[in-house]
Amino acid sequence: MEEPKRFLRIGVSLGIQALIITILVVVVLSVWRRICGGAVLDCLIADNRALSLPNFLALASIRPLLFTPVSLTYVVGAQNFGIWLGAISSAVGATLSSLLLYMSARAISEHVIKGWLRRNFPNAHKLIKAQHIKIILLLRLFPLLYFDLCSLLFGLLFFRRWQFIAITFICSFIEALLVGWLVMSDLLLWQKVITTLGVTFAMWLAVLVYVVVADFIFSRRVSLFKQVVASYREVIDELHENNEIVIRKGFSSDKPPILLLYGFFSSRSCLATLERMLTNRGHDVICFNLGGLFGAFFTESIISSAETVDKKLKLLFEQHDLQRINIVAHSKGGLVALWWLLKMGGSKYCSKLITMATPFCGSRLTYIGIATPFALYWHDLWQMRPNSYLLRQLRDCSLPDALQMHCVYSIQDAVTRGRGGVFTPKAGKVSEVPMHHVKHLEFLFRHDVGDVVSVLLGQD
């Protein structure tokens, strides 16, 4: 079966998403009807005092799974238990529910996001580590930010757990106390809404002023403002980075230069450490932006990316009178390199290909992306799914005798597990290089990986 065409991919993706949403809606409504005896609205907004404290805490803890806003638990808590007990119980429930989302997101971040952020946006990573308490406090109190989305964000960006729990409880208690007081008041609905927003904004502005003043007086060397500005500039520079070829130094005549290719949703910045390691070991390094989301994050089709590589390298060969090149590629970049070598005649210009954590057998994580709206735009998610048409086409190819291919892989790699990172051609020899202590993104910055790659590049 061939690679699904664009309209077929869109139809499949929309069908999967519609099925998931339908199942979730049915489950949520069934749970609430069972809880409320068929009267869902009565359970949520009526003053019926129908819930016991243990049941309320249990419901508040799993609230995100029922797609229920946290503000409704504040209302239900106040109606069932009064202002003060309702605020305390609501804050406990909100903290437990946010911890559920936080830990789930943190489990993903441990393997993917944390290393990606450190490699692509080092200033933003430093900002989070140094200013996490201030950031959590400001985001928790800002009234227009979705509570559960912030919880996921704190987990994905690896904010510290105990500070996250403490600040979430305090902010939730304050908000629940305010909501409880307004629920019990005789104000009209529009007056309650305006009062809630006004008081919350006032508290947020007061905290913001305090943070700014304290930051200016006590923390000039690790200023929140300065780190935010540095992170902003880093993001803007990344998004506006041009597509020119970057050559770290002039070419030497005794060995071919090294082209570095990065992986899915990464940017050229993630290669900085690897570039430096190889340059310090005497190699001539080349890299360029592969395009994608915002022109910076690599989400282009593997085939179109190989065409981009072909155009840029042919121009480079003409300008610098080069005859051969070596390639070091991470993750998806290895598939781009291999397609250029085997399907576009690039092997005439390449002596060695070293791949690191490249999903030659596909990655099951792509199914998560296919079940989201991203699959409507990112063709590479379909190309990197297990047993895709593109991967089968590559496996049906034979490696030229003149091309040396080394596949570096690891059983600790959560994206490309074990021997899934080893290419198996129809004919030809591939060298396997196991490094089982290395995780997926660690291939980009570990010095022992740089040593191994340098040795492989130096072999005849």
Protein backbone atom coordinates (compact mmCIF):
# COMPACT_ATOMS: atom_id res chain seq x y z
CA MET A 1 0.00 0.00 0.00
CA GLU A 2 1.42 3.37 -1.04
CA GLU A 3 1.83 6.45 1.12
CA PRO A 4 -1.66 7.92 1.62
CA LYS A 5 -2.34 11.04 -0.44
CA ARG A 6 -3.01 14.40 1.15
CA PHE A 7 -6.81 14.25 1.13
CA LEU A 8 -6.80 10.66 2.36
CA ARG A 9 -4.43 11.62 5.19
CA ILE A 10 -6.70 14.51 6.14
CA GLY A 11 -9.75 12.22 6.14
CA VAL A 12 -8.07 9.56 8.24
CA SER A 13 -6.74 12.12 10.72
CA LEU A 14 -10.10 13.87 11.11
CA GLY A 15 -11.86 10.53 11.48
CA ILE A 16 -9.51 9.44 14.27
CA GLN A 17 -9.91 12.76 16.10
CA ALA A 18 -13.71 12.70 15.75
CA LEU A 19 -13.80 9.14 17.12
CA ILE A 20 -11.64 10.08 20.11
CA ILE A 21 -13.76 13.16 20.91
CA THR A 22 -16.99 11.16 20.60
CA ILE A 23 -15.75 8.47 22.96
CA LEU A 24 -14.59 11.06 25.50
CA VAL A 25 -17.90 12.96 25.40
CA VAL A 26 -19.92 9.76 25.88
CA VAL A 27 -17.73 8.66 28.80
CA VAL A 28 -17.83 12.08 30.48
CA LEU A 29 -21.62 12.42 30.20
CA SER A 30 -22.13 8.87 31.44
CA VAL A 31 -19.95 9.49 34.49
CA TRP A 32 -21.69 12.76 35.37
CA ARG A 33 -25.16 11.27 34.90
CA ARG A 34 -24.25 8.42 37.21
CA ILE A 35 -22.89 10.86 39.79
CA CYS A 36 -25.86 13.19 39.58
CA GLY A 37 -28.65 10.67 39.10
CA GLY A 38 -29.42 11.99 35.63
CA ALA A 39 -29.55 15.70 36.53
CA VAL A 40 -26.11 16.93 35.49
CA LEU A 41 -26.79 20.65 35.88
CA ASP A 42 -28.34 20.13 39.31
CA CYS A 43 -25.17 18.42 40.48
CA LEU A 44 -22.98 21.20 39.16
CA ILE A 45 -24.85 24.40 40.05
CA ALA A 46 -27.78 23.66 42.33
CA ASP A 47 -27.63 24.24 46.07
CA ASN A 48 -28.56 20.66 46.89
CA ARG A 49 -25.69 19.64 49.18
CA ALA A 50 -25.69 16.25 47.48
CA LEU A 51 -21.99 15.40 47.75
CA SER A 52 -20.07 14.07 50.73
CA LEU A 53 -16.57 15.42 51.29
CA PRO A 54 -14.73 12.22 50.21
CA ASN A 55 -16.82 11.98 47.04
CA PHE A 56 -16.22 15.64 46.27
CA LEU A 57 -12.45 15.28 46.69
CA ALA A 58 -12.46 12.21 44.46
CA LEU A 59 -14.41 14.04 41.76
CA ALA A 60 -12.27 17.16 42.05
CA SER A 61 -9.11 15.05 41.72
CA ILE A 62 -10.20 13.42 38.45
CA ARG A 63 -11.92 16.58 37.17
CA PRO A 64 -9.54 17.08 34.18
CA LEU A 65 -10.49 13.62 32.91
CA LEU A 66 -14.12 14.77 32.92
CA PHE A 67 -13.27 17.97 31.01
CA THR A 68 -14.79 20.10 33.77
CA PRO A 69 -13.44 23.63 34.49
CA VAL A 70 -11.84 24.03 37.90
CA SER A 71 -14.10 27.00 38.65
CA LEU A 72 -17.12 24.68 38.78
CA THR A 73 -15.54 22.69 41.58
CA TYR A 74 -15.12 25.94 43.50
CA VAL A 75 -18.86 26.59 43.10
CA VAL A 76 -19.86 23.05 44.07
CA GLY A 77 -17.51 23.11 47.06
CA ALA A 78 -18.95 26.35 48.38
CA GLN A 79 -22.53 25.16 47.91
CA ASN A 80 -21.98 21.84 49.63
CA PHE A 81 -19.56 22.73 52.43
CA GLY A 82 -19.69 26.48 52.96
CA ILE A 83 -17.18 29.19 52.17
CA TRP A 84 -14.16 28.15 54.25
CA LEU A 85 -14.40 24.35 54.18
CA GLY A 86 -15.44 24.56 50.54
CA ALA A 87 -12.37 26.67 49.71
CA ILE A 88 -10.01 24.29 51.50
CA SER A 89 -11.52 21.16 49.95
CA SER A 90 -11.66 22.80 46.51
CA ALA A 91 -8.00 23.82 46.80
CA VAL A 92 -7.02 20.27 47.79
CA GLY A 93 -8.99 18.85 44.87
CA ALA A 94 -7.55 21.40 42.43
CA THR A 95 -4.02 20.65 43.61
CA LEU A 96 -4.51 16.89 43.26
CA SER A 97 -6.02 17.27 39.78
CA SER A 98 -3.22 19.58 38.67
CA LEU A 99 -0.66 17.12 40.05
CA LEU A 100 -2.22 14.37 37.92
CA LEU A 101 -1.67 16.45 34.78
CA TYR A 102 1.73 17.68 35.93
CA MET A 103 3.12 14.19 36.53
CA SER A 104 1.74 12.89 33.23
CA ALA A 105 3.35 15.77 31.33
CA ARG A 106 6.58 15.45 33.28
CA ALA A 107 6.89 11.78 32.30
CA ILE A 108 6.82 12.88 28.65
CA SER A 109 9.17 15.78 29.30
CA GLU A 110 11.78 13.53 30.91
CA HIS A 111 12.31 11.70 27.61
CA VAL A 112 11.60 14.41 25.03
CA ILE A 113 10.83 18.02 25.95
CA LYS A 114 13.48 18.69 28.60
CA GLY A 115 16.40 17.78 26.36
CA TRP A 116 14.79 19.45 23.34
CA LEU A 117 14.37 22.72 25.23
CA ARG A 118 17.92 22.63 26.58
CA ARG A 119 19.35 22.05 23.10
CA ASN A 120 17.18 24.50 21.12
CA PHE A 121 16.54 27.28 23.66
CA PRO A 122 19.24 27.29 26.37
CA ASN A 123 18.28 30.76 27.65
CA ALA A 124 14.65 29.71 28.12
CA HIS A 125 15.86 26.61 29.95
CA LYS A 126 17.95 28.78 32.30
CA LEU A 127 14.95 31.08 32.84
CA ILE A 128 12.77 28.19 34.00
CA LYS A 129 15.43 26.82 36.35
CA ALA A 130 16.19 30.18 37.95
CA GLN A 131 12.74 31.81 38.05
CA HIS A 132 10.32 28.89 38.40
CA ILE A 133 8.63 30.15 41.60
CA LYS A 134 7.86 33.58 40.14
CA ILE A 135 6.64 32.10 36.87
CA ILE A 136 4.30 29.61 38.57
CA LEU A 137 2.89 32.31 40.83
CA LEU A 138 2.23 34.76 38.00
CA LEU A 139 0.66 32.17 35.69
CA ARG A 140 -1.49 30.64 38.42
CA LEU A 141 -3.00 33.99 39.42
CA PHE A 142 -3.57 35.31 35.89
CA PRO A 143 -7.36 34.91 35.45
CA LEU A 144 -7.53 34.32 31.69
CA LEU A 145 -5.15 31.35 31.56
CA TYR A 146 -6.70 27.88 31.55
CA PHE A 147 -5.86 26.11 34.81
CA ASP A 148 -5.28 22.63 33.38
CA LEU A 149 -3.24 23.91 30.45
CA CYS A 150 -0.87 25.61 32.89
CA SER A 151 -0.55 22.37 34.87
CA LEU A 152 0.47 20.52 31.71
CA LEU A 153 2.86 23.31 30.78
CA PHE A 154 4.57 23.22 34.19
CA GLY A 155 5.07 19.46 33.83
CA LEU A 156 6.34 19.62 30.26
CA LEU A 157 8.84 22.33 31.13
CA PHE A 158 9.97 20.43 34.24
CA PHE A 159 9.15 23.02 36.90
CA ARG A 160 10.07 21.85 40.39
CA ARG A 161 7.41 19.63 41.97
CA TRP A 162 7.08 20.88 45.54
CA GLN A 163 7.07 24.55 44.62
CA PHE A 164 4.43 23.77 42.00
CA ILE A 165 2.25 21.97 44.57
CA ALA A 166 2.57 24.67 47.24
CA ILE A 167 1.85 27.62 44.93
CA THR A 168 -1.03 25.79 43.23
CA PHE A 169 -2.68 25.10 46.58
CA ILE A 170 -2.29 28.69 47.81
CA CYS A 171 -3.59 30.26 44.58
CA SER A 172 -6.46 27.76 44.33
CA PHE A 173 -7.47 28.46 47.93
CA ILE A 174 -7.56 32.21 47.30
CA GLU A 175 -9.62 31.80 44.12
CA ALA A 176 -11.98 29.27 45.74
CA LEU A 177 -12.49 31.59 48.72
CA LEU A 178 -13.36 34.46 46.40
CA VAL A 179 -15.73 32.32 44.33
CA GLY A 180 -17.36 30.89 47.46
CA TRP A 181 -18.00 34.35 48.87
CA LEU A 182 -19.52 35.51 45.58
CA VAL A 183 -21.69 32.37 45.28
CA MET A 184 -23.14 33.02 48.71
CA SER A 185 -23.67 36.74 48.07
CA ASP A 186 -26.85 38.36 46.74
CA LEU A 187 -25.14 39.99 43.77
CA LEU A 188 -26.47 39.50 40.26
CA LEU A 189 -24.65 37.10 37.95
CA TRP A 190 -23.00 39.85 35.87
CA GLN A 191 -21.91 41.59 39.05
CA LYS A 192 -20.33 38.38 40.33
CA VAL A 193 -18.44 37.88 37.08
CA ILE A 194 -17.13 41.45 36.99
CA THR A 195 -16.18 41.34 40.68
CA THR A 196 -14.33 38.04 40.24
CA LEU A 197 -12.33 39.28 37.25
CA GLY A 198 -11.62 42.65 38.87
CA VAL A 199 -10.37 41.23 42.15
CA THR A 200 -8.30 38.53 40.42
CA PHE A 201 -6.66 41.03 38.08
CA ALA A 202 -5.94 43.33 41.03
CA MET A 203 -4.24 40.49 42.94
CA TRP A 204 -2.25 39.51 39.87
CA LEU A 205 -1.08 43.08 39.26
CA ALA A 206 -0.10 43.43 42.91
CA VAL A 207 1.99 40.24 42.71
CA LEU A 208 3.51 41.37 39.41
CA VAL A 209 4.54 44.72 40.90
CA TYR A 210 6.03 42.97 43.93
CA VAL A 211 7.98 40.53 41.72
CA VAL A 212 9.34 43.33 39.54
CA VAL A 213 10.35 45.51 42.50
CA ALA A 214 11.90 42.61 44.43
CA ASP A 215 13.65 41.47 41.27
CA PHE A 216 15.14 44.93 40.74
CA ILE A 217 16.29 45.33 44.34
CA PHE A 218 17.51 41.86 45.29
CA SER A 219 18.17 39.87 42.09
CA ARG A 220 19.99 42.04 39.61
CA ARG A 221 22.37 39.26 38.60
CA VAL A 222 19.54 36.77 37.94
CA SER A 223 16.84 39.25 36.99
CA LEU A 224 13.54 37.80 35.81
CA PHE A 225 13.13 40.69 33.42
CA LYS A 226 16.60 40.26 31.91
CA GLN A 227 16.16 36.51 31.50
CA VAL A 228 12.74 36.97 29.89
CA VAL A 229 14.23 39.46 27.43
CA ALA A 230 17.13 37.09 26.65
CA SER A 231 14.72 34.19 26.09
CA TYR A 232 12.48 36.34 23.88
CA ARG A 233 15.43 37.40 21.74
CA GLU A 234 16.57 33.78 21.52
CA VAL A 235 13.16 32.68 20.21
CA ILE A 236 12.97 35.56 17.72
CA ASP A 237 16.48 34.87 16.46
CA GLU A 238 15.60 31.20 16.03
CA LEU A 239 12.41 31.96 14.10
CA HIS A 240 14.12 34.51 11.86
CA GLU A 241 17.26 32.49 11.27
CA ASN A 242 17.91 32.43 7.56
CA ASN A 243 18.37 29.41 5.37
CA GLU A 244 21.96 30.00 4.35
CA ILE A 245 24.63 27.35 4.65
CA VAL A 246 26.81 27.79 7.73
CA ILE A 247 30.49 26.84 7.42
CA ARG A 248 32.41 27.01 10.68
CA LYS A 249 35.81 27.35 9.01
CA GLY A 250 37.46 27.01 5.64
CA PHE A 251 37.69 23.61 4.00
CA SER A 252 40.90 21.64 4.16
CA SER A 253 42.01 19.68 1.14
CA ASP A 254 42.93 16.42 2.84
CA LYS A 255 39.44 15.23 3.92
CA PRO A 256 35.80 15.80 2.99
CA PRO A 257 33.70 18.19 5.11
CA ILE A 258 30.92 16.97 7.42
CA LEU A 259 27.26 17.84 6.82
CA LEU A 260 25.13 17.76 9.99
CA LEU A 261 21.38 17.05 9.74
CA TYR A 262 19.03 17.32 12.72
CA GLY A 263 15.76 15.59 13.57
CA PHE A 264 12.02 16.15 13.79
CA PHE A 265 10.84 19.44 15.34
CA SER A 266 14.40 20.45 16.13
CA SER A 267 16.20 23.51 14.83
CA ARG A 268 19.71 24.27 13.71
CA SER A 269 20.57 25.47 17.23
CA CYS A 270 20.39 21.91 18.58
CA LEU A 271 23.56 21.09 16.63
CA ALA A 272 25.69 23.69 18.40
CA THR A 273 27.37 21.28 20.83
CA LEU A 274 27.96 18.56 18.23
CA GLU A 275 29.35 21.13 15.79
CA ARG A 276 31.77 22.39 18.41
CA MET A 277 32.90 18.89 19.39
CA LEU A 278 33.59 17.84 15.81
CA THR A 279 35.27 21.14 14.95
CA ASN A 280 37.55 20.83 17.98
CA ARG A 281 38.49 17.35 16.77
CA GLY A 282 39.69 18.75 13.44
CA HIS A 283 36.65 18.25 11.20
CA ASP A 284 35.21 20.81 8.78
CA VAL A 285 31.51 21.19 9.62
CA ILE A 286 28.59 22.34 7.45
CA CYS A 287 24.96 22.83 8.46
CA PHE A 288 21.89 24.71 7.29
CA ASN A 289 18.29 25.34 8.23
CA LEU A 290 15.96 22.59 6.99
CA GLY A 291 12.80 24.69 7.34
CA GLY A 292 9.48 23.59 8.80
CA LEU A 293 7.15 25.18 11.35
CA PHE A 294 7.77 28.96 11.51
CA GLY A 295 10.67 28.32 9.16
CA ALA A 296 12.76 26.97 12.04
CA PHE A 297 11.39 23.70 13.49
CA PHE A 298 11.95 20.74 11.16
CA THR A 299 8.54 19.37 10.12
CA GLU A 300 8.98 19.22 6.34
CA SER A 301 8.40 16.07 4.30
CA ILE A 302 11.39 13.74 4.17
CA ILE A 303 11.40 13.70 0.37
CA SER A 304 11.09 17.48 -0.05
CA SER A 305 13.81 17.93 2.58
CA ALA A 306 16.10 15.60 0.61
CA GLU A 307 15.45 17.75 -2.46
CA THR A 308 16.44 20.84 -0.45
CA VAL A 309 19.64 19.12 0.67
CA ASP A 310 20.40 18.16 -2.94
CA LYS A 311 20.03 21.73 -4.23
CA LYS A 312 22.12 23.28 -1.48
CA LEU A 313 24.90 20.71 -1.71
CA LYS A 314 25.21 20.98 -5.48
CA LEU A 315 25.51 24.75 -5.12
CA LEU A 316 28.11 24.25 -2.38
CA PHE A 317 30.10 21.82 -4.53
CA GLU A 318 30.21 24.34 -7.38
CA GLN A 319 31.24 27.26 -5.17
CA HIS A 320 33.99 25.43 -3.28
CA ASP A 321 35.07 22.86 -5.87
CA LEU A 322 34.23 19.93 -3.58
CA GLN A 323 34.08 16.33 -4.74
CA ARG A 324 32.95 14.36 -1.67
CA ILE A 325 31.19 14.89 1.62
CA ASN A 326 30.41 12.93 4.78
CA ILE A 327 27.09 13.13 6.64
CA VAL A 328 26.28 12.86 10.35
CA ALA A 329 22.53 12.80 10.94
CA HIS A 330 20.32 12.55 14.01
CA SER A 331 16.85 10.94 14.08
CA LYS A 332 14.68 12.05 11.12
CA GLY A 333 17.74 13.68 9.55
CA GLY A 334 19.10 10.17 8.88
CA LEU A 335 16.03 9.33 6.77
CA VAL A 336 16.49 12.54 4.78
CA ALA A 337 20.14 11.72 4.20
CA LEU A 338 19.40 8.13 3.19
CA TRP A 339 16.68 9.18 0.74
CA TRP A 340 19.11 11.64 -0.87
CA LEU A 341 21.84 9.00 -1.07
CA LEU A 342 19.79 6.07 -2.36
CA LYS A 343 16.92 7.68 -4.25
CA MET A 344 18.45 10.87 -5.65
CA GLY A 345 21.97 9.73 -6.53
CA GLY A 346 23.64 11.45 -3.62
CA SER A 347 25.89 8.44 -3.01
CA LYS A 348 28.09 9.72 -5.86
CA TYR A 349 29.12 12.58 -3.59
CA CYS A 350 29.15 10.92 -0.17
CA SER A 351 31.77 8.64 1.38
CA LYS A 352 30.27 8.01 4.82
CA LEU A 353 26.89 8.26 6.49
CA ILE A 354 26.65 8.12 10.28
CA THR A 355 23.13 8.01 11.68
CA MET A 356 22.23 8.42 15.34
CA ALA A 357 18.85 7.25 16.70
CA THR A 358 17.26 7.25 13.25
CA PRO A 359 13.86 5.45 13.13
CA PHE A 360 14.50 3.12 10.19
CA CYS A 361 11.66 0.90 11.42
CA GLY A 362 9.49 3.89 12.30
CA SER A 363 8.45 5.18 15.71
CA ARG A 364 5.24 4.32 17.54
CA LEU A 365 5.21 7.85 18.94
CA THR A 366 4.09 9.07 15.51
CA TYR A 367 0.67 7.51 16.17
CA ILE A 368 0.16 10.09 18.91
CA GLY A 369 0.81 12.86 16.40
CA ILE A 370 -1.44 11.25 13.78
CA ALA A 371 -4.31 11.36 16.30
CA THR A 372 -3.92 15.16 16.61
CA PRO A 373 -4.54 18.09 14.22
CA PHE A 374 -0.78 18.18 13.52
CA ALA A 375 -1.25 15.22 11.20
CA LEU A 376 -3.22 17.49 8.85
CA TYR A 377 -0.10 19.51 8.09
CA TRP A 378 2.96 17.44 8.91
CA HIS A 379 3.51 14.79 6.25
CA ASP A 380 6.62 13.49 7.99
CA LEU A 381 4.51 12.03 10.83
CA TRP A 382 2.99 9.63 8.30
CA GLN A 383 6.35 8.89 6.71
CA MET A 384 7.94 7.94 10.05
CA ARG A 385 5.15 5.65 11.24
CA PRO A 386 6.12 1.94 11.48
CA ASN A 387 6.11 0.13 8.14
CA SER A 388 5.24 3.24 6.15
CA TYR A 389 5.54 3.24 2.37
CA LEU A 390 8.63 5.47 2.50
CA LEU A 391 10.43 3.21 4.98
CA ARG A 392 9.65 0.14 2.87
CA GLN A 393 11.00 1.90 -0.20
CA LEU A 394 14.28 2.57 1.59
CA ARG A 395 14.58 -1.02 2.82
CA ASP A 396 14.16 -2.24 -0.77
CA CYS A 397 17.31 -0.35 -1.79
CA SER A 398 20.87 -1.67 -1.89
CA LEU A 399 23.81 0.23 -0.42
CA PRO A 400 26.54 1.13 -2.94
CA ASP A 401 29.88 -0.50 -2.20
CA ALA A 402 31.59 2.89 -1.99
CA LEU A 403 29.28 4.14 0.77
CA GLN A 404 30.17 3.34 4.38
CA MET A 405 27.15 3.48 6.69
CA HIS A 406 27.36 3.40 10.49
CA CYS A 407 24.19 3.25 12.62
CA VAL A 408 24.56 4.42 16.23
CA TYR A 409 21.63 3.22 18.36
CA SER A 410 20.54 2.60 21.96
CA ILE A 411 18.04 0.51 23.88
CA GLN A 412 17.56 3.57 26.15
CA ASP A 413 16.18 5.53 23.20
CA ALA A 414 12.43 6.06 23.85
CA VAL A 415 11.82 7.32 20.29
CA THR A 416 13.82 4.81 18.24
CA ARG A 417 14.06 1.73 20.40
CA GLY A 418 17.04 -0.59 20.12
CA ARG A 419 17.71 -2.12 16.72
CA GLY A 420 14.97 0.00 15.21
CA GLY A 421 17.83 2.47 14.76
CA VAL A 422 19.78 0.09 12.49
CA PHE A 423 19.17 0.19 8.74
CA THR A 424 18.62 -3.17 6.99
CA PRO A 425 19.05 -2.71 3.21
CA LYS A 426 18.19 -5.24 0.54
CA ALA A 427 21.91 -5.65 -0.08
CA GLY A 428 25.02 -4.07 1.36
CA LYS A 429 26.82 -3.89 4.67
CA VAL A 430 25.88 -1.62 7.57
CA SER A 431 28.06 -1.15 10.64
CA GLU A 432 26.17 -1.29 13.96
CA VAL A 433 27.42 0.94 16.79
CA PRO A 434 25.52 0.29 20.05
CA MET A 435 25.63 2.99 22.75
CA HIS A 436 22.98 1.66 25.09
CA HIS A 437 23.54 4.22 27.86
CA VAL A 438 22.48 7.15 25.65
CA LYS A 439 18.95 8.54 25.31
CA HIS A 440 17.47 9.96 22.12
CA LEU A 441 18.44 13.64 22.45
CA GLU A 442 21.66 12.91 24.33
CA PHE A 443 23.26 11.89 21.04
CA LEU A 444 23.45 15.60 20.24
CA PHE A 445 25.60 16.71 23.15
CA ARG A 446 27.36 13.84 24.94
CA HIS A 447 31.15 13.99 24.58
CA ASP A 448 31.49 10.21 24.37
CA VAL A 449 29.14 10.27 21.37
CA GLY A 450 31.31 12.98 19.82
CA ASP A 451 34.37 10.79 20.37
CA VAL A 452 32.72 7.79 18.69
CA VAL A 453 31.48 9.85 15.72
CA SER A 454 34.92 11.42 15.28
CA VAL A 455 36.56 7.97 15.25
CA LEU A 456 34.05 6.68 12.70
CA LEU A 457 34.66 9.69 10.48
CA GLY A 458 38.40 9.12 10.70
CA GLN A 459 38.25 5.47 9.63
CA ASP A 460 39.29 4.61 6.09
